[in-house]
Amino acid sequence: MEKPWITTKGGDKGTTSLGDGTRVPKDHPRVELYGTLDECQAAIGLARASCCYEEIREELFRIEEAMGSVMGYLALFPGLPEPDPSTLEETVEKVRAIIGETFRFVRPGDSIPGAALHLARTIARRAERIAVALHRDGEIGEAPYAWINRLSDAIYALSLWTDKANRECE
């Protein structure tokens, strides 16, 4: 028998399989969390595809790759390492060194890739709100929770850098 490619029909009864084979409801908080991160990753991909600055595209790609691992980790695929929040902290520090520390309120829309990153940031914040209950219940540990908590900071910093760089590309 041929293995299904996209449509498995396994979720037709409202459940899905985690990486360890456990079946859970599709609205389980763990599934909501990695699904929300998937949505965030798509918005980051939109930003990367529309960004004119190679160094920012590389940073965005690196975060997208990390997100794939984090989603797999949260979906309980065996063998994936625990997320390391210091990688996102390094991104924030790198951007701070480039753009400085001047604070100002930002209205999304200064550039298309910057606006896509602001969309990603709000989605990351939703992921944080989902993750907090899993963390409180002991279903995800300190490091994965901290990684999710740092994600919106890194995306925000990258949105500032993107808007600045976009002004220079024009």
N, C-alpha and C. Protein backbone atom coordinates (compact mmCIF):
# COMPACT_ATOMS: atom_id res chain seq x y z
N MET A 1 0.84 -1.18 0.00
CA MET A 1 0.00 0.00 0.00
C MET A 1 0.89 1.24 0.00
N GLU A 2 0.50 2.23 -0.78
CA GLU A 2 1.25 3.46 -0.89
C GLU A 2 1.01 4.34 0.34
N LYS A 3 2.09 4.92 0.86
CA LYS A 3 1.99 5.80 2.03
C LYS A 3 1.40 7.14 1.61
N PRO A 4 0.45 7.69 2.41
CA PRO A 4 -0.15 8.99 2.06
C PRO A 4 0.89 10.09 2.05
N TRP A 5 0.66 11.06 1.17
CA TRP A 5 1.60 12.16 1.03
C TRP A 5 1.18 13.36 1.85
N ILE A 6 0.09 14.00 1.53
CA ILE A 6 -0.39 15.17 2.27
C ILE A 6 -1.60 14.81 3.11
N THR A 7 -2.58 14.20 2.50
CA THR A 7 -3.82 13.84 3.19
C THR A 7 -3.68 12.46 3.79
N THR A 8 -3.63 12.41 5.12
CA THR A 8 -3.50 11.12 5.80
C THR A 8 -4.85 10.61 6.31
N LYS A 9 -5.80 11.53 6.46
CA LYS A 9 -7.14 11.25 7.00
C LYS A 9 -7.10 10.90 8.49
N GLY A 10 -5.91 10.96 9.09
CA GLY A 10 -5.78 10.64 10.50
C GLY A 10 -6.44 11.65 11.41
N GLY A 11 -6.62 12.86 10.93
CA GLY A 11 -7.22 13.90 11.76
C GLY A 11 -8.70 14.09 11.53
N ASP A 12 -9.31 13.23 10.74
CA ASP A 12 -10.73 13.40 10.41
C ASP A 12 -11.65 13.29 11.62
N LYS A 13 -11.15 12.75 12.70
CA LYS A 13 -11.97 12.64 13.92
C LYS A 13 -11.55 13.67 14.97
N GLY A 14 -10.76 14.68 14.53
CA GLY A 14 -10.41 15.78 15.43
C GLY A 14 -9.20 15.55 16.30
N THR A 15 -8.38 14.55 15.94
CA THR A 15 -7.15 14.33 16.70
C THR A 15 -5.97 14.40 15.75
N THR A 16 -4.80 14.51 16.33
CA THR A 16 -3.56 14.53 15.56
C THR A 16 -2.50 13.76 16.33
N SER A 17 -1.46 13.35 15.62
CA SER A 17 -0.38 12.61 16.27
C SER A 17 0.76 13.54 16.63
N LEU A 18 1.27 13.38 17.83
CA LEU A 18 2.50 14.05 18.22
C LEU A 18 3.67 13.22 17.72
N GLY A 19 4.85 13.76 17.82
CA GLY A 19 6.04 13.09 17.31
C GLY A 19 6.34 11.77 17.98
N ASP A 20 5.86 11.58 19.19
CA ASP A 20 6.09 10.31 19.90
C ASP A 20 4.98 9.30 19.64
N GLY A 21 4.03 9.64 18.73
CA GLY A 21 2.95 8.73 18.39
C GLY A 21 1.67 8.92 19.18
N THR A 22 1.72 9.71 20.24
CA THR A 22 0.54 9.98 21.05
C THR A 22 -0.47 10.75 20.21
N ARG A 23 -1.74 10.37 20.31
CA ARG A 23 -2.80 11.12 19.63
C ARG A 23 -3.46 12.04 20.65
N VAL A 24 -3.62 13.29 20.25
CA VAL A 24 -4.24 14.29 21.12
C VAL A 24 -5.27 15.07 20.29
N PRO A 25 -6.21 15.73 20.96
CA PRO A 25 -7.16 16.57 20.22
C PRO A 25 -6.42 17.70 19.49
N LYS A 26 -6.93 18.07 18.34
CA LYS A 26 -6.28 19.12 17.56
C LYS A 26 -6.27 20.47 18.27
N ASP A 27 -7.14 20.64 19.27
CA ASP A 27 -7.14 21.89 20.02
C ASP A 27 -6.37 21.77 21.34
N HIS A 28 -5.57 20.73 21.48
CA HIS A 28 -4.72 20.59 22.67
C HIS A 28 -3.77 21.79 22.72
N PRO A 29 -3.50 22.34 23.90
CA PRO A 29 -2.62 23.51 24.00
C PRO A 29 -1.24 23.31 23.35
N ARG A 30 -0.70 22.12 23.39
CA ARG A 30 0.60 21.86 22.77
C ARG A 30 0.49 22.04 21.25
N VAL A 31 -0.60 21.53 20.67
CA VAL A 31 -0.82 21.66 19.23
C VAL A 31 -1.09 23.13 18.88
N GLU A 32 -1.86 23.81 19.73
CA GLU A 32 -2.10 25.25 19.54
C GLU A 32 -0.78 26.02 19.54
N LEU A 33 0.12 25.63 20.44
CA LEU A 33 1.40 26.34 20.57
C LEU A 33 2.26 26.16 19.33
N TYR A 34 2.49 24.92 18.91
CA TYR A 34 3.37 24.77 17.75
C TYR A 34 2.67 25.21 16.47
N GLY A 35 1.34 25.17 16.44
CA GLY A 35 0.62 25.71 15.29
C GLY A 35 0.73 27.23 15.21
N THR A 36 0.71 27.88 16.35
CA THR A 36 0.87 29.33 16.39
C THR A 36 2.29 29.73 16.00
N LEU A 37 3.27 28.96 16.44
CA LEU A 37 4.65 29.22 16.02
C LEU A 37 4.82 28.99 14.51
N ASP A 38 4.10 28.04 13.96
CA ASP A 38 4.12 27.81 12.52
C ASP A 38 3.58 29.04 11.78
N GLU A 39 2.51 29.59 12.30
CA GLU A 39 1.94 30.82 11.73
C GLU A 39 2.94 31.97 11.81
N CYS A 40 3.61 32.08 12.94
CA CYS A 40 4.64 33.11 13.13
C CYS A 40 5.78 32.92 12.14
N GLN A 41 6.19 31.68 11.96
CA GLN A 41 7.28 31.39 11.02
C GLN A 41 6.89 31.79 9.60
N ALA A 42 5.64 31.60 9.23
CA ALA A 42 5.20 32.00 7.88
C ALA A 42 5.29 33.51 7.71
N ALA A 43 4.93 34.27 8.74
CA ALA A 43 5.04 35.73 8.66
C ALA A 43 6.50 36.16 8.58
N ILE A 44 7.38 35.46 9.28
CA ILE A 44 8.81 35.76 9.18
C ILE A 44 9.30 35.46 7.77
N GLY A 45 8.82 34.39 7.19
CA GLY A 45 9.18 34.05 5.82
C GLY A 45 8.74 35.11 4.84
N LEU A 46 7.57 35.69 5.06
CA LEU A 46 7.11 36.80 4.22
C LEU A 46 8.06 37.99 4.34
N ALA A 47 8.46 38.28 5.55
CA ALA A 47 9.42 39.38 5.77
C ALA A 47 10.73 39.09 5.06
N ARG A 48 11.23 37.87 5.20
CA ARG A 48 12.50 37.51 4.57
C ARG A 48 12.41 37.61 3.05
N ALA A 49 11.30 37.15 2.49
CA ALA A 49 11.14 37.16 1.04
C ALA A 49 11.05 38.58 0.48
N SER A 50 10.61 39.52 1.30
CA SER A 50 10.43 40.89 0.81
C SER A 50 11.51 41.86 1.28
N CYS A 51 12.49 41.35 2.04
CA CYS A 51 13.54 42.21 2.58
C CYS A 51 14.67 42.39 1.57
N CYS A 52 15.17 43.61 1.46
CA CYS A 52 16.22 43.91 0.48
C CYS A 52 17.62 43.76 1.05
N TYR A 53 17.76 43.46 2.32
CA TYR A 53 19.06 43.49 2.98
C TYR A 53 19.49 42.07 3.34
N GLU A 54 20.56 41.60 2.72
CA GLU A 54 20.99 40.20 2.85
C GLU A 54 21.28 39.80 4.30
N GLU A 55 21.93 40.65 5.07
CA GLU A 55 22.28 40.28 6.44
C GLU A 55 21.02 40.05 7.29
N ILE A 56 19.98 40.84 7.06
CA ILE A 56 18.73 40.64 7.79
C ILE A 56 18.06 39.36 7.31
N ARG A 57 18.06 39.12 6.00
CA ARG A 57 17.48 37.87 5.48
C ARG A 57 18.15 36.66 6.13
N GLU A 58 19.47 36.73 6.30
CA GLU A 58 20.19 35.62 6.93
C GLU A 58 19.76 35.42 8.39
N GLU A 59 19.58 36.52 9.12
CA GLU A 59 19.11 36.42 10.51
C GLU A 59 17.71 35.82 10.56
N LEU A 60 16.85 36.27 9.66
CA LEU A 60 15.48 35.75 9.63
C LEU A 60 15.47 34.26 9.29
N PHE A 61 16.30 33.86 8.34
CA PHE A 61 16.38 32.45 7.97
C PHE A 61 16.85 31.61 9.15
N ARG A 62 17.83 32.13 9.88
CA ARG A 62 18.35 31.41 11.05
C ARG A 62 17.25 31.21 12.09
N ILE A 63 16.43 32.24 12.31
CA ILE A 63 15.32 32.11 13.26
C ILE A 63 14.28 31.13 12.73
N GLU A 64 13.99 31.19 11.43
CA GLU A 64 13.04 30.23 10.86
C GLU A 64 13.52 28.80 11.06
N GLU A 65 14.79 28.55 10.83
CA GLU A 65 15.33 27.20 11.03
C GLU A 65 15.21 26.77 12.49
N ALA A 66 15.53 27.68 13.40
CA ALA A 66 15.40 27.36 14.83
C ALA A 66 13.95 27.08 15.19
N MET A 67 13.04 27.84 14.59
CA MET A 67 11.62 27.62 14.88
C MET A 67 11.17 26.23 14.45
N GLY A 68 11.70 25.74 13.33
CA GLY A 68 11.36 24.39 12.90
C GLY A 68 11.76 23.37 13.95
N SER A 69 12.95 23.53 14.51
CA SER A 69 13.41 22.62 15.57
C SER A 69 12.56 22.77 16.83
N VAL A 70 12.24 24.01 17.19
CA VAL A 70 11.45 24.24 18.39
C VAL A 70 10.05 23.63 18.23
N MET A 71 9.45 23.82 17.06
CA MET A 71 8.12 23.22 16.84
C MET A 71 8.20 21.70 16.93
N GLY A 72 9.24 21.10 16.35
CA GLY A 72 9.41 19.66 16.46
C GLY A 72 9.61 19.22 17.90
N TYR A 73 10.39 19.98 18.64
CA TYR A 73 10.61 19.70 20.06
C TYR A 73 9.28 19.74 20.82
N LEU A 74 8.49 20.80 20.57
CA LEU A 74 7.20 20.94 21.25
C LEU A 74 6.21 19.86 20.83
N ALA A 75 6.35 19.36 19.59
CA ALA A 75 5.48 18.30 19.10
C ALA A 75 5.97 16.92 19.56
N LEU A 76 7.01 16.91 20.39
CA LEU A 76 7.56 15.70 21.02
C LEU A 76 8.24 14.75 20.05
N PHE A 77 8.85 15.30 18.98
CA PHE A 77 9.67 14.45 18.12
C PHE A 77 10.94 14.11 18.88
N PRO A 78 11.30 12.84 18.92
CA PRO A 78 12.48 12.45 19.71
C PRO A 78 13.78 12.96 19.10
N GLY A 79 14.75 13.20 19.98
CA GLY A 79 16.09 13.55 19.54
C GLY A 79 16.34 15.02 19.25
N LEU A 80 15.33 15.86 19.36
CA LEU A 80 15.54 17.29 19.11
C LEU A 80 16.01 17.97 20.39
N PRO A 81 17.00 18.84 20.28
CA PRO A 81 17.54 19.49 21.48
C PRO A 81 16.56 20.51 22.06
N GLU A 82 16.71 20.74 23.35
CA GLU A 82 15.92 21.76 24.02
C GLU A 82 16.32 23.13 23.45
N PRO A 83 15.35 23.99 23.17
CA PRO A 83 15.67 25.32 22.63
C PRO A 83 16.56 26.12 23.58
N ASP A 84 17.46 26.90 23.00
CA ASP A 84 18.39 27.72 23.77
C ASP A 84 18.04 29.19 23.59
N PRO A 85 17.46 29.82 24.62
CA PRO A 85 17.04 31.22 24.49
C PRO A 85 18.20 32.19 24.25
N SER A 86 19.42 31.79 24.56
CA SER A 86 20.55 32.71 24.37
C SER A 86 20.75 33.06 22.90
N THR A 87 20.34 32.19 22.00
CA THR A 87 20.49 32.50 20.57
C THR A 87 19.63 33.70 20.19
N LEU A 88 18.44 33.80 20.75
CA LEU A 88 17.58 34.95 20.47
C LEU A 88 18.10 36.20 21.17
N GLU A 89 18.65 36.02 22.36
CA GLU A 89 19.24 37.16 23.08
C GLU A 89 20.41 37.73 22.28
N GLU A 90 21.18 36.86 21.64
CA GLU A 90 22.29 37.31 20.79
C GLU A 90 21.78 38.13 19.61
N THR A 91 20.66 37.73 19.05
CA THR A 91 20.06 38.50 17.95
C THR A 91 19.69 39.89 18.42
N VAL A 92 19.05 39.99 19.58
CA VAL A 92 18.65 41.29 20.12
C VAL A 92 19.88 42.16 20.35
N GLU A 93 20.93 41.60 20.91
CA GLU A 93 22.15 42.37 21.17
C GLU A 93 22.81 42.81 19.87
N LYS A 94 22.81 41.95 18.87
CA LYS A 94 23.38 42.30 17.57
C LYS A 94 22.65 43.50 16.98
N VAL A 95 21.32 43.45 17.03
CA VAL A 95 20.53 44.55 16.47
C VAL A 95 20.74 45.83 17.27
N ARG A 96 20.82 45.72 18.59
CA ARG A 96 21.06 46.90 19.42
C ARG A 96 22.36 47.57 19.05
N ALA A 97 23.38 46.77 18.77
CA ALA A 97 24.68 47.32 18.38
C ALA A 97 24.60 48.03 17.03
N ILE A 98 23.70 47.60 16.18
CA ILE A 98 23.57 48.18 14.85
C ILE A 98 22.71 49.44 14.85
N ILE A 99 21.58 49.40 15.56
CA ILE A 99 20.63 50.53 15.47
C ILE A 99 20.64 51.44 16.68
N GLY A 100 21.31 51.03 17.75
CA GLY A 100 21.33 51.86 18.96
C GLY A 100 20.16 51.56 19.86
N GLU A 101 20.05 52.35 20.92
CA GLU A 101 19.05 52.09 21.95
C GLU A 101 17.97 53.16 22.02
N THR A 102 17.87 54.01 21.05
CA THR A 102 16.86 55.06 21.11
C THR A 102 15.48 54.44 21.09
N PHE A 103 14.68 54.73 22.11
CA PHE A 103 13.32 54.19 22.18
C PHE A 103 12.34 55.15 21.52
N ARG A 104 11.47 54.57 20.74
CA ARG A 104 10.35 55.33 20.20
C ARG A 104 9.23 54.34 19.93
N PHE A 105 8.01 54.84 19.99
CA PHE A 105 6.88 53.98 19.65
C PHE A 105 6.89 53.78 18.14
N VAL A 106 6.58 52.58 17.73
CA VAL A 106 6.63 52.23 16.32
C VAL A 106 5.24 51.88 15.84
N ARG A 107 4.89 52.44 14.73
CA ARG A 107 3.63 52.08 14.08
C ARG A 107 4.01 51.19 12.90
N PRO A 108 3.57 49.93 12.89
CA PRO A 108 3.92 49.04 11.78
C PRO A 108 3.48 49.63 10.44
N GLY A 109 4.32 49.46 9.45
CA GLY A 109 3.98 49.92 8.11
C GLY A 109 5.04 50.78 7.46
N ASP A 110 6.18 50.96 8.13
CA ASP A 110 7.25 51.74 7.52
C ASP A 110 7.85 51.02 6.31
N SER A 111 7.74 49.70 6.30
CA SER A 111 8.19 48.90 5.16
C SER A 111 7.37 47.62 5.13
N ILE A 112 7.30 47.00 3.97
CA ILE A 112 6.56 45.74 3.87
C ILE A 112 7.21 44.65 4.72
N PRO A 113 8.52 44.44 4.63
CA PRO A 113 9.09 43.39 5.48
C PRO A 113 9.00 43.73 6.97
N GLY A 114 9.13 45.00 7.32
CA GLY A 114 8.99 45.40 8.72
C GLY A 114 7.58 45.14 9.23
N ALA A 115 6.58 45.45 8.40
CA ALA A 115 5.18 45.19 8.79
C ALA A 115 4.95 43.70 8.96
N ALA A 116 5.54 42.88 8.07
CA ALA A 116 5.40 41.42 8.20
C ALA A 116 6.02 40.95 9.51
N LEU A 117 7.13 41.57 9.92
CA LEU A 117 7.75 41.21 11.19
C LEU A 117 6.89 41.64 12.37
N HIS A 118 6.23 42.78 12.26
CA HIS A 118 5.32 43.18 13.35
C HIS A 118 4.15 42.19 13.45
N LEU A 119 3.67 41.71 12.32
CA LEU A 119 2.64 40.66 12.34
C LEU A 119 3.21 39.42 13.03
N ALA A 120 4.42 39.02 12.66
CA ALA A 120 5.06 37.86 13.29
C ALA A 120 5.22 38.08 14.79
N ARG A 121 5.57 39.30 15.18
CA ARG A 121 5.75 39.61 16.61
C ARG A 121 4.46 39.41 17.38
N THR A 122 3.33 39.86 16.81
CA THR A 122 2.06 39.70 17.52
C THR A 122 1.65 38.23 17.60
N ILE A 123 2.00 37.47 16.58
CA ILE A 123 1.72 36.03 16.60
C ILE A 123 2.61 35.36 17.65
N ALA A 124 3.87 35.78 17.74
CA ALA A 124 4.77 35.25 18.76
C ALA A 124 4.24 35.55 20.16
N ARG A 125 3.67 36.72 20.34
CA ARG A 125 3.09 37.08 21.64
C ARG A 125 1.90 36.16 21.98
N ARG A 126 1.13 35.80 20.96
CA ARG A 126 0.03 34.85 21.19
C ARG A 126 0.60 33.49 21.60
N ALA A 127 1.69 33.07 20.96
CA ALA A 127 2.34 31.82 21.34
C ALA A 127 2.78 31.86 22.80
N GLU A 128 3.30 33.00 23.24
CA GLU A 128 3.68 33.16 24.65
C GLU A 128 2.49 32.92 25.57
N ARG A 129 1.34 33.48 25.19
CA ARG A 129 0.16 33.33 26.04
C ARG A 129 -0.31 31.88 26.10
N ILE A 130 -0.11 31.14 25.02
CA ILE A 130 -0.45 29.72 25.03
C ILE A 130 0.58 28.95 25.85
N ALA A 131 1.86 29.29 25.69
CA ALA A 131 2.94 28.56 26.35
C ALA A 131 2.91 28.71 27.86
N VAL A 132 2.43 29.83 28.35
CA VAL A 132 2.50 30.05 29.80
C VAL A 132 1.70 28.99 30.56
N ALA A 133 0.56 28.57 30.04
CA ALA A 133 -0.22 27.53 30.72
C ALA A 133 0.50 26.19 30.69
N LEU A 134 1.12 25.86 29.56
CA LEU A 134 1.88 24.61 29.48
C LEU A 134 3.07 24.64 30.43
N HIS A 135 3.71 25.79 30.53
CA HIS A 135 4.84 25.93 31.44
C HIS A 135 4.37 25.81 32.90
N ARG A 136 3.31 26.48 33.21
CA ARG A 136 2.76 26.45 34.58
C ARG A 136 2.39 25.02 34.98
N ASP A 137 1.88 24.23 34.01
CA ASP A 137 1.48 22.85 34.28
C ASP A 137 2.63 21.86 34.18
N GLY A 138 3.85 22.35 33.92
CA GLY A 138 5.01 21.49 33.85
C GLY A 138 5.14 20.71 32.55
N GLU A 139 4.37 21.07 31.53
CA GLU A 139 4.44 20.35 30.26
C GLU A 139 5.57 20.83 29.36
N ILE A 140 6.04 22.04 29.58
CA ILE A 140 7.26 22.51 28.91
C ILE A 140 8.17 23.12 29.97
N GLY A 141 9.45 22.95 29.78
CA GLY A 141 10.43 23.39 30.78
C GLY A 141 10.80 24.85 30.66
N GLU A 142 11.75 25.23 31.50
CA GLU A 142 12.21 26.62 31.57
C GLU A 142 12.80 27.12 30.26
N ALA A 143 13.73 26.36 29.68
CA ALA A 143 14.41 26.82 28.47
C ALA A 143 13.46 26.98 27.28
N PRO A 144 12.59 26.01 27.00
CA PRO A 144 11.66 26.22 25.88
C PRO A 144 10.73 27.40 26.13
N TYR A 145 10.27 27.55 27.37
CA TYR A 145 9.40 28.68 27.67
C TYR A 145 10.16 30.00 27.50
N ALA A 146 11.40 30.06 27.98
CA ALA A 146 12.19 31.28 27.84
C ALA A 146 12.44 31.57 26.36
N TRP A 147 12.69 30.53 25.54
CA TRP A 147 12.91 30.74 24.10
C TRP A 147 11.68 31.39 23.48
N ILE A 148 10.51 30.85 23.80
CA ILE A 148 9.27 31.40 23.25
C ILE A 148 9.08 32.84 23.74
N ASN A 149 9.41 33.09 24.99
CA ASN A 149 9.28 34.43 25.56
C ASN A 149 10.23 35.41 24.89
N ARG A 150 11.43 34.97 24.48
CA ARG A 150 12.40 35.85 23.83
C ARG A 150 12.11 36.07 22.34
N LEU A 151 11.31 35.18 21.76
CA LEU A 151 11.07 35.24 20.32
C LEU A 151 10.49 36.58 19.89
N SER A 152 9.49 37.09 20.59
CA SER A 152 8.89 38.36 20.18
C SER A 152 9.89 39.51 20.32
N ASP A 153 10.78 39.44 21.31
CA ASP A 153 11.82 40.47 21.46
C ASP A 153 12.74 40.48 20.24
N ALA A 154 13.18 39.29 19.83
CA ALA A 154 14.09 39.20 18.68
C ALA A 154 13.39 39.68 17.40
N ILE A 155 12.13 39.30 17.24
CA ILE A 155 11.40 39.73 16.05
C ILE A 155 11.21 41.25 16.07
N TYR A 156 10.90 41.81 17.22
CA TYR A 156 10.74 43.26 17.32
C TYR A 156 12.04 43.97 16.95
N ALA A 157 13.14 43.48 17.51
CA ALA A 157 14.44 44.09 17.19
C ALA A 157 14.71 44.01 15.69
N LEU A 158 14.44 42.87 15.11
CA LEU A 158 14.66 42.71 13.67
C LEU A 158 13.73 43.60 12.84
N SER A 159 12.53 43.86 13.35
CA SER A 159 11.63 44.77 12.63
C SER A 159 12.20 46.19 12.61
N LEU A 160 12.81 46.61 13.71
CA LEU A 160 13.43 47.94 13.76
C LEU A 160 14.59 48.04 12.79
N TRP A 161 15.43 47.00 12.79
CA TRP A 161 16.57 46.97 11.88
C TRP A 161 16.10 46.93 10.42
N THR A 162 15.06 46.15 10.17
CA THR A 162 14.52 46.04 8.82
C THR A 162 14.01 47.38 8.32
N ASP A 163 13.25 48.08 9.14
CA ASP A 163 12.74 49.38 8.72
C ASP A 163 13.88 50.36 8.46
N LYS A 164 14.90 50.34 9.33
CA LYS A 164 16.06 51.22 9.13
C LYS A 164 16.78 50.86 7.83
N ALA A 165 17.03 49.58 7.62
CA ALA A 165 17.74 49.14 6.41
C ALA A 165 16.91 49.41 5.16
N ASN A 166 15.59 49.25 5.27
CA ASN A 166 14.73 49.48 4.12
C ASN A 166 14.79 50.95 3.66
N ARG A 167 14.87 51.85 4.64
CA ARG A 167 15.01 53.26 4.29
C ARG A 167 16.30 53.50 3.51
N GLU A 168 17.34 52.74 3.85
CA GLU A 168 18.63 52.87 3.17
C GLU A 168 18.62 52.20 1.80
N CYS A 169 17.73 51.21 1.58
CA CYS A 169 17.65 50.52 0.28
C CYS A 169 16.87 51.33 -0.75
N GLU A 170 16.03 52.21 -0.26
CA GLU A 170 15.14 52.94 -1.18
C GLU A 170 15.88 53.94 -2.02
